[in-house]
């Protein structure tokens, strides 16, 4: 094992991996964070509409409009990411005048992720107790107030859990995008590691991606637990019993 790491080829691979490490981590986080934010800019309102605009929602919308909205989201979710990214390359060229690099990844990532965000938001909002919504309606709250002061606060722990899943999914999408000229750890693993049969670079980049996923998952889980009223109330009850 020691001889393996002391070989000139392995030393060169480690050197390349370390040399590209800061730029790769930055490109990965940069594209992931921006894509997640833009995906929520589009997907969060859509997810809210899917719940509030249904027949028994707080602000029902025309059935044909809801059918079209659901159809578009379902179609975009059905297209495999790599195919969707190829289809979105002209959009990257139109917006950014390039189809290669970190910035060019963002439009395809957003297109691939915002339908997923919409469904995650929809699922989280449906977990809110209907009795709470009915109480807000009985007090004369407007649909906007119900969304802002009831639905979103009550669903916040679940929304954070969903955001964690979305961020990790976008991170994995971005890693696959290295095949089509993207940048970051995924591109290094594919272009330097896989295509050139550099096993140390390949596994090193993959290990770093796994570490990033674990960090994101840990932050998301802890944030969700801290904001969950049920967990906090259970903790208070347990503390009062111990007294």
Protein backbone atom coordinates (compact mmCIF):
# COMPACT_ATOMS: atom_id res chain seq x y z
CA UNK A 1 0.00 0.00 0.00
CA UNK A 2 2.82 2.38 0.91
CA UNK A 3 4.60 1.64 -2.37
CA UNK A 4 1.40 2.49 -4.27
CA UNK A 5 1.23 6.01 -2.78
CA UNK A 6 4.96 6.52 -3.25
CA UNK A 7 4.87 5.85 -6.99
CA UNK A 8 5.52 8.81 -9.29
CA UNK A 9 2.16 8.48 -11.08
CA UNK A 10 0.17 8.51 -7.85
CA UNK A 11 2.16 11.46 -6.53
CA UNK A 12 1.39 13.36 -9.74
CA UNK A 13 -2.32 12.56 -9.38
CA UNK A 14 -2.37 13.74 -5.78
CA UNK A 15 -0.58 16.91 -6.85
CA UNK A 16 -3.17 17.60 -9.59
CA UNK A 17 -6.04 16.88 -7.21
CA UNK A 18 -4.68 19.23 -4.53
CA UNK A 19 -3.84 21.90 -7.09
CA UNK A 20 -7.38 21.95 -8.48
CA UNK A 21 -9.07 21.43 -5.11
CA UNK A 22 -9.88 25.07 -4.12
CA UNK A 23 -11.25 25.98 -7.55
CA UNK A 24 -13.22 22.73 -7.81
CA UNK A 25 -14.85 23.10 -4.40
CA UNK A 26 -15.68 26.75 -5.12
CA UNK A 27 -17.20 25.90 -8.53
CA UNK A 28 -19.24 23.07 -7.02
CA UNK A 29 -20.60 25.15 -4.14
CA UNK A 30 -21.13 28.23 -6.34
CA UNK A 31 -23.22 26.41 -8.94
CA UNK A 32 -25.10 24.40 -6.30
CA UNK A 33 -26.04 27.37 -4.10
CA UNK A 34 -27.07 29.65 -6.98
CA UNK A 35 -29.04 26.90 -8.72
CA UNK A 36 -30.82 26.06 -5.46
CA UNK A 37 -31.74 29.71 -4.86
CA UNK A 38 -33.06 30.25 -8.40
CA UNK A 39 -34.91 26.94 -8.25
CA UNK A 40 -36.71 28.10 -5.12
CA UNK A 41 -37.49 31.48 -6.67
CA UNK A 42 -39.50 29.58 -9.29
CA UNK A 43 -40.46 26.39 -7.43
CA UNK A 44 -41.62 27.85 -4.10
CA UNK A 45 -44.46 29.97 -5.58
CA UNK A 46 -45.46 27.06 -7.82
CA UNK A 47 -45.58 24.70 -4.85
CA UNK A 48 -47.74 27.18 -2.94
CA UNK A 49 -50.09 27.51 -5.93
CA UNK A 50 -50.44 23.74 -6.18
CA UNK A 51 -51.83 23.68 -2.62
CA UNK A 52 -53.73 26.96 -2.36
CA UNK A 53 -55.12 26.84 -5.89
CA UNK A 54 -56.76 23.43 -5.73
CA UNK A 55 -60.54 23.02 -5.46
CA UNK A 56 -60.64 23.07 -1.66
CA UNK A 57 -57.65 25.39 -1.24
CA UNK A 58 -57.60 28.81 0.38
CA UNK A 59 -57.55 30.52 -3.03
CA UNK A 60 -58.97 28.16 -5.68
CA UNK A 61 -57.78 28.70 -9.25
CA UNK A 62 -59.49 27.62 -12.49
CA UNK A 63 -59.27 23.85 -12.97
CA UNK A 64 -57.77 24.12 -16.50
CA UNK A 65 -54.97 26.35 -15.18
CA UNK A 66 -54.17 23.86 -12.40
CA UNK A 67 -54.22 20.99 -14.91
CA UNK A 68 -51.74 22.81 -17.18
CA UNK A 69 -49.51 23.66 -14.22
CA UNK A 70 -49.42 20.06 -13.02
CA UNK A 71 -48.82 18.81 -16.55
CA UNK A 72 -45.81 21.09 -17.10
CA UNK A 73 -44.26 20.14 -13.77
CA UNK A 74 -44.80 16.43 -14.38
CA UNK A 75 -43.34 16.61 -17.90
CA UNK A 76 -40.19 18.41 -16.76
CA UNK A 77 -39.73 15.96 -13.89
CA UNK A 78 -40.03 13.04 -16.31
CA UNK A 79 -37.12 14.09 -18.55
CA UNK A 80 -33.74 12.61 -17.45
CA UNK A 81 -31.33 15.31 -16.31
CA UNK A 82 -28.61 14.74 -18.91
CA UNK A 83 -31.14 14.91 -21.75
CA UNK A 84 -32.76 17.99 -20.23
CA UNK A 85 -29.36 19.62 -19.89
CA UNK A 86 -28.56 19.00 -23.55
CA UNK A 87 -31.92 20.53 -24.48
CA UNK A 88 -31.17 23.56 -22.27
CA UNK A 89 -27.74 24.28 -23.77
CA UNK A 90 -29.21 26.83 -26.25
CA UNK A 91 -30.73 28.66 -23.27
CA UNK A 92 -27.31 28.92 -21.63
CA UNK A 93 -25.90 30.29 -24.87
CA UNK A 94 -28.75 32.78 -25.13
CA UNK A 95 -28.48 34.05 -21.54
CA UNK A 96 -24.74 33.74 -20.88
CA UNK A 97 -23.31 33.50 -24.41
CA UNK A 98 -21.56 30.25 -23.47
CA UNK A 99 -22.44 26.62 -22.90
CA UNK A 100 -19.26 25.66 -21.01
CA UNK A 101 -18.19 26.41 -17.45
CA UNK A 102 -19.70 26.95 -14.03
CA UNK A 103 -22.14 29.71 -15.04
CA UNK A 104 -23.42 27.74 -18.03
CA UNK A 105 -24.46 24.96 -15.66
CA UNK A 106 -26.92 27.10 -13.75
CA UNK A 107 -29.82 27.46 -16.27
CA UNK A 108 -30.03 23.69 -16.95
CA UNK A 109 -29.76 22.95 -13.23
CA UNK A 110 -32.58 25.38 -12.45
CA UNK A 111 -34.81 23.95 -15.19
CA UNK A 112 -34.17 20.44 -13.90
CA UNK A 113 -34.64 21.33 -10.23
CA UNK A 114 -37.54 23.78 -9.97
CA UNK A 115 -40.26 21.16 -10.73
CA UNK A 116 -38.74 18.99 -8.00
CA UNK A 117 -38.77 21.99 -5.65
CA UNK A 118 -42.44 22.64 -6.46
CA UNK A 119 -43.39 19.07 -5.55
CA UNK A 120 -41.30 19.14 -2.36
CA UNK A 121 -42.95 22.40 -1.28
CA UNK A 122 -46.38 21.01 -2.13
CA UNK A 123 -45.72 17.91 -0.04
CA UNK A 124 -44.52 19.98 2.93
CA UNK A 125 -47.51 22.34 2.87
CA UNK A 126 -49.95 19.44 2.73
CA UNK A 127 -48.60 18.26 6.09
CA UNK A 128 -49.97 21.38 7.80
CA UNK A 129 -52.98 20.62 10.02
CA UNK A 130 -56.19 21.62 8.23
CA UNK A 131 -57.64 22.76 11.57
CA UNK A 132 -55.01 25.49 11.84
CA UNK A 133 -55.90 26.77 8.38
CA UNK A 134 -59.62 26.69 9.15
CA UNK A 135 -59.02 28.64 12.36
CA UNK A 136 -57.12 31.31 10.41
CA UNK A 137 -59.95 31.52 7.86
CA UNK A 138 -62.51 31.84 10.66
CA UNK A 139 -60.54 34.80 12.03
CA UNK A 140 -60.84 36.53 8.67
CA UNK A 141 -57.26 36.05 7.45
CA UNK A 142 -56.71 36.64 3.74
CA UNK A 143 -55.20 33.92 1.51
CA UNK A 144 -51.88 35.79 1.48
CA UNK A 145 -51.87 36.04 5.28
CA UNK A 146 -52.68 32.34 5.60
CA UNK A 147 -49.76 31.47 3.35
CA UNK A 148 -47.32 33.86 5.05
CA UNK A 149 -48.36 33.43 8.69
CA UNK A 150 -49.76 29.89 8.80
CA UNK A 151 -48.71 27.58 5.97
CA UNK A 152 -45.05 28.57 5.61
CA UNK A 153 -44.25 28.87 9.38
CA UNK A 154 -46.04 25.62 10.23
CA UNK A 155 -44.33 23.75 7.39
CA UNK A 156 -40.89 25.30 7.95
CA UNK A 157 -39.16 22.19 9.42
CA UNK A 158 -40.45 20.06 6.55
CA UNK A 159 -39.50 22.76 4.04
CA UNK A 160 -35.95 22.79 5.41
CA UNK A 161 -35.76 19.02 5.12
CA UNK A 162 -36.95 19.30 1.53
CA UNK A 163 -34.44 22.07 0.82
CA UNK A 164 -31.67 19.80 2.06
CA UNK A 165 -32.80 17.05 -0.30
CA UNK A 166 -33.05 19.53 -3.18
CA UNK A 167 -29.56 20.92 -2.52
CA UNK A 168 -28.03 17.44 -2.47
CA UNK A 169 -29.90 16.52 -5.66
CA UNK A 170 -28.64 19.66 -7.42
CA UNK A 171 -25.12 18.87 -6.20
CA UNK A 172 -25.38 15.42 -7.80
CA UNK A 173 -26.82 16.94 -11.00
CA UNK A 174 -23.90 19.37 -11.14
CA UNK A 175 -21.42 16.51 -10.73
CA UNK A 176 -23.00 14.70 -13.71
CA UNK A 177 -22.85 17.91 -15.75
CA UNK A 178 -19.07 17.52 -16.00
CA UNK A 179 -19.76 15.24 -18.94
CA UNK A 180 -21.10 18.20 -20.92
CA UNK A 181 -18.42 20.75 -20.15
CA UNK A 182 -19.27 21.73 -16.60
CA UNK A 183 -16.71 22.41 -13.90
CA UNK A 184 -16.16 21.44 -10.29
CA UNK A 185 -15.45 18.19 -8.50
CA UNK A 186 -17.70 16.19 -10.82
CA UNK A 187 -15.87 17.47 -13.89
CA UNK A 188 -12.51 16.63 -12.31
CA UNK A 189 -13.68 13.12 -11.42
CA UNK A 190 -14.93 12.51 -14.97
CA UNK A 191 -12.43 14.38 -17.15
CA UNK A 192 -9.23 13.79 -15.16
CA UNK A 193 -10.12 10.65 -13.26
CA UNK A 194 -12.38 8.47 -15.42
CA UNK A 195 -11.42 9.44 -18.97
CA UNK A 196 -7.69 9.41 -18.22
CA UNK A 197 -7.87 6.37 -15.91
CA UNK A 198 -6.44 8.31 -12.96
CA UNK A 199 -7.93 6.32 -10.10
CA UNK A 200 -6.60 8.54 -7.29
CA UNK A 201 -8.14 11.67 -8.81
CA UNK A 202 -11.41 9.84 -9.48
CA UNK A 203 -11.86 8.47 -5.98
CA UNK A 204 -10.44 11.60 -4.33
CA UNK A 205 -13.03 13.82 -6.04
CA UNK A 206 -15.82 11.36 -5.23
CA UNK A 207 -14.80 11.26 -1.56
CA UNK A 208 -14.87 15.06 -1.42
CA UNK A 209 -18.35 15.08 -2.97
CA UNK A 210 -19.52 12.59 -0.33
CA UNK A 211 -18.07 14.81 2.42
CA UNK A 212 -19.92 17.85 1.03
CA UNK A 213 -23.17 15.87 0.93
CA UNK A 214 -22.70 14.78 4.55
CA UNK A 215 -22.06 18.37 5.65
CA UNK A 216 -25.16 19.67 3.85
CA UNK A 217 -27.29 16.83 5.23
CA UNK A 218 -26.04 17.42 8.77
CA UNK A 219 -26.74 21.18 8.63
CA UNK A 220 -30.20 20.64 7.14
CA UNK A 221 -31.19 17.96 9.65
CA UNK A 222 -30.05 19.96 12.68
CA UNK A 223 -31.81 23.12 11.45
CA UNK A 224 -35.03 21.21 10.82
CA UNK A 225 -34.96 19.56 14.25
CA UNK A 226 -34.34 22.87 16.04
CA UNK A 227 -37.33 24.48 14.32
CA UNK A 228 -39.68 21.54 14.80
CA UNK A 229 -42.26 22.49 17.44
CA UNK A 230 -43.03 18.86 18.21
CA UNK A 231 -39.41 18.17 19.14
CA UNK A 232 -39.17 21.33 21.24
CA UNK A 233 -42.45 20.64 23.01
CA UNK A 234 -41.38 17.06 23.71
CA UNK A 235 -38.15 18.37 25.17
CA UNK A 236 -40.00 20.82 27.41
CA UNK A 237 -42.38 18.11 28.64
CA UNK A 238 -39.47 15.80 29.36
CA UNK A 239 -37.69 18.55 31.26
CA UNK A 240 -40.76 19.37 33.35
CA UNK A 241 -41.24 15.69 34.23
CA UNK A 242 -37.61 15.41 35.37
CA UNK A 243 -38.20 18.30 37.74
